[in-house]
Amino acid sequence: MAELKIAIAEDNPLMLELLSSILEAENGFQVVGTADNGEDAYQMIMEKEPDIVLLDVIMPKLDGITVLEKVREAKGGKNMPPSLW
């Protein structure tokens, strides 16, 4: 089975490291990128095309909701996994 590619966007460095460590230790998951602000998160998502994104809502530069909206707009809904929204 292929590993799920995960991207993490979190502005708290301790939480970012903790989430990365936990996921990297599990079989079947690969953390393909991390970001500590919304602009970097958007770029990471567009470049890496992860299967799963753990996206903080409150971040510097762009909040998580704006990041999600920009990704949906840029991709036109194509290759977008379902979200909780």
Protein backbone atom coordinates (compact mmCIF):
# COMPACT_ATOMS: atom_id res chain seq x y z
CA MET A 1 0.00 0.00 0.00
CA ALA A 2 1.31 3.45 -0.89
CA GLU A 3 2.08 5.91 1.84
CA LEU A 4 -0.30 8.80 2.35
CA LYS A 5 1.41 12.13 1.73
CA ILE A 6 0.70 14.58 4.56
CA ALA A 7 1.38 18.33 4.73
CA ILE A 8 1.24 20.19 8.04
CA ALA A 9 0.59 23.92 8.45
CA GLU A 10 0.97 25.10 12.06
CA ASP A 11 2.48 28.32 13.40
CA ASN A 12 3.34 26.88 16.84
CA PRO A 13 6.83 25.35 16.39
CA LEU A 14 6.39 22.85 19.24
CA MET A 15 3.08 21.58 17.86
CA LEU A 16 4.50 21.43 14.34
CA GLU A 17 7.43 19.30 15.51
CA LEU A 18 5.17 17.07 17.62
CA LEU A 19 2.72 16.40 14.79
CA SER A 20 5.56 15.73 12.35
CA SER A 21 7.27 13.31 14.74
CA ILE A 22 4.10 11.39 15.51
CA LEU A 23 3.12 11.00 11.87
CA GLU A 24 6.61 10.11 10.63
CA ALA A 25 6.78 7.33 13.25
CA GLU A 26 3.64 5.66 11.86
CA ASN A 27 3.71 3.23 8.95
CA GLY A 28 1.80 4.41 5.92
CA PHE A 29 2.35 8.14 6.41
CA GLN A 30 4.95 10.44 4.90
CA VAL A 31 5.19 14.10 5.90
CA VAL A 32 5.99 15.82 2.60
CA GLY A 33 6.14 19.35 3.93
CA THR A 34 5.57 21.73 6.80
CA ALA A 35 4.75 25.42 6.92
CA ASP A 36 4.50 27.95 9.73
CA ASN A 37 2.39 30.57 7.93
CA GLY A 38 -0.48 30.65 5.48
CA GLU A 39 1.46 31.86 2.44
CA ASP A 40 4.01 29.07 2.77
CA ALA A 41 1.20 26.58 3.42
CA TYR A 42 -0.52 27.57 0.17
CA GLN A 43 2.69 27.19 -1.83
CA MET A 44 3.46 23.84 -0.18
CA ILE A 45 -0.01 22.47 -0.94
CA MET A 46 0.16 23.57 -4.57
CA GLU A 47 3.66 22.14 -5.10
CA LYS A 48 3.49 18.90 -3.08
CA GLU A 49 -0.18 17.99 -3.74
CA PRO A 50 -0.53 16.06 -0.47
CA ASP A 51 -3.28 13.51 0.19
CA ILE A 52 -3.97 15.04 3.62
CA VAL A 53 -3.40 18.54 4.98
CA LEU A 54 -3.42 19.35 8.68
CA LEU A 55 -4.21 23.05 8.46
CA ASP A 56 -4.18 25.43 11.41
CA VAL A 57 -6.95 28.01 11.22
CA ILE A 58 -5.15 30.96 12.83
CA MET A 59 -1.75 31.61 11.22
CA PRO A 60 0.32 34.61 10.16
CA LYS A 61 0.07 36.07 6.64
CA LEU A 62 -2.99 34.01 5.59
CA ASP A 63 -5.40 32.20 7.86
CA GLY A 64 -6.21 28.55 7.23
CA ILE A 65 -9.66 29.25 5.79
CA THR A 66 -8.20 31.65 3.23
CA VAL A 67 -5.56 29.06 2.32
CA LEU A 68 -8.30 26.48 1.76
CA GLU A 69 -10.33 28.91 -0.36
CA LYS A 70 -7.29 29.81 -2.49
CA VAL A 71 -6.41 26.15 -3.08
CA ARG A 72 -10.00 25.32 -4.07
CA GLU A 73 -10.08 28.31 -6.42
CA ALA A 74 -6.71 27.47 -8.00
CA LYS A 75 -7.58 23.82 -8.50
CA GLY A 76 -11.14 24.47 -9.62
CA GLY A 77 -12.27 21.61 -7.39
CA LYS A 78 -10.16 19.08 -9.29
CA ASN A 79 -8.01 16.63 -7.35
CA MET A 80 -9.43 18.02 -4.11
CA PRO A 81 -10.05 15.62 -1.28
CA PRO A 82 -13.27 16.06 0.64
CA SER A 83 -13.10 18.43 3.58
CA LEU A 84 -15.09 18.92 6.73
CA TRP A 85 -16.72 21.98 5.13
